[in-house]
Amino acid sequence: MVPIYTPKSEPETAAIVALMEAYGIVYFMRGGAFGTMYPGPVSNSLNARTLMVEDDQAELARELLRPFLYGAAGAFAPGDRN
């Protein structure tokens, strides 16, 4: 499995998990269990989560996560706009 993205909040984590499940991507949210022990602000050293996906599904996962990776204009990666 390869690391793809570290969600910034609980709602973002829920949206990402829903995307992975909807598209049948095999994933694991590293740090997911510990992160639920102490709700509140995310501390990277204690409760950060990282989306891990199978190597052969990494490209699809990145494509689905473009809005998260590139912000509000997520449909466009840097250099995609004319």
Protein backbone atom coordinates (compact mmCIF):
# COMPACT_ATOMS: atom_id res chain seq x y z
CA MET A 1 0.00 0.00 0.00
CA VAL A 2 1.13 3.53 -0.73
CA PRO A 3 0.32 6.76 1.12
CA ILE A 4 -1.93 9.09 -0.90
CA TYR A 5 -3.28 11.89 1.29
CA THR A 6 -3.59 13.09 4.89
CA PRO A 7 -7.08 14.50 5.53
CA LYS A 8 -7.29 17.82 7.35
CA SER A 9 -10.54 17.19 9.26
CA GLU A 10 -13.14 14.61 10.26
CA PRO A 11 -15.62 15.65 7.53
CA GLU A 12 -12.88 15.46 4.90
CA THR A 13 -11.95 11.99 6.15
CA ALA A 14 -15.58 10.87 5.87
CA ALA A 15 -15.85 12.21 2.31
CA ILE A 16 -12.63 10.49 1.25
CA VAL A 17 -13.67 7.17 2.78
CA ALA A 18 -17.03 7.42 0.98
CA LEU A 19 -15.23 8.05 -2.35
CA MET A 20 -12.92 5.07 -1.87
CA GLU A 21 -15.83 2.79 -1.01
CA ALA A 22 -18.02 4.08 -3.85
CA TYR A 23 -15.33 3.30 -6.42
CA GLY A 24 -14.30 -0.03 -4.89
CA ILE A 25 -10.78 1.11 -4.04
CA VAL A 26 -9.03 -1.05 -1.48
CA TYR A 27 -7.85 1.38 1.19
CA PHE A 28 -6.68 1.64 4.76
CA MET A 29 -6.77 4.78 6.87
CA ARG A 30 -3.49 4.60 8.81
CA GLY A 31 -3.89 6.12 12.26
CA GLY A 32 -7.66 5.86 11.96
CA ALA A 33 -8.26 3.96 15.17
CA PHE A 34 -6.07 6.11 17.37
CA GLY A 35 -7.42 9.29 15.80
CA THR A 36 -10.91 8.46 17.06
CA MET A 37 -9.78 8.04 20.68
CA TYR A 38 -9.38 11.75 21.33
CA PRO A 39 -11.67 13.91 19.20
CA GLY A 40 -10.71 17.48 18.57
CA PRO A 41 -7.95 19.23 16.69
CA VAL A 42 -5.67 17.02 14.64
CA SER A 43 -2.14 16.81 15.99
CA ASN A 44 0.10 15.31 13.34
CA SER A 45 2.25 13.62 15.94
CA LEU A 46 -0.69 11.98 17.72
CA ASN A 47 -3.83 11.44 15.68
CA ALA A 48 -3.20 12.28 12.01
CA ARG A 49 -4.67 9.85 9.51
CA THR A 50 -3.14 8.91 6.18
CA LEU A 51 -5.04 7.32 3.32
CA MET A 52 -3.21 4.24 2.06
CA VAL A 53 -4.30 2.45 -1.14
CA GLU A 54 -3.15 -0.55 -3.16
CA ASP A 55 -0.32 0.27 -5.56
CA ASP A 56 -2.36 -0.56 -8.65
CA GLN A 57 -5.22 1.73 -7.55
CA ALA A 58 -3.10 4.74 -6.56
CA GLU A 59 -3.63 6.65 -9.82
CA LEU A 60 -7.44 6.32 -9.63
CA ALA A 61 -7.40 7.36 -5.97
CA ARG A 62 -5.34 10.46 -6.80
CA GLU A 63 -7.73 11.35 -9.62
CA LEU A 64 -10.71 11.08 -7.27
CA LEU A 65 -8.93 13.23 -4.69
CA ARG A 66 -8.02 16.08 -7.05
CA PRO A 67 -10.51 18.46 -5.36
CA PHE A 68 -8.83 17.76 -2.01
CA LEU A 69 -5.30 17.97 -3.39
CA TYR A 70 -5.76 21.18 -5.39
CA GLY A 71 -8.41 23.04 -3.38
CA ALA A 72 -11.59 24.69 -4.61
CA ALA A 73 -10.45 24.59 -8.23
CA GLY A 74 -9.79 20.87 -7.78
CA ALA A 75 -10.94 19.97 -11.27
CA PHE A 76 -7.71 21.53 -12.53
CA ALA A 77 -4.20 20.51 -11.61
CA PRO A 78 -1.51 23.15 -11.88
CA GLY A 79 -0.84 23.72 -15.57
CA ASP A 80 -4.20 22.28 -16.73
CA ARG A 81 -5.84 25.68 -17.25
CA ASN A 82 -5.48 27.62 -20.48
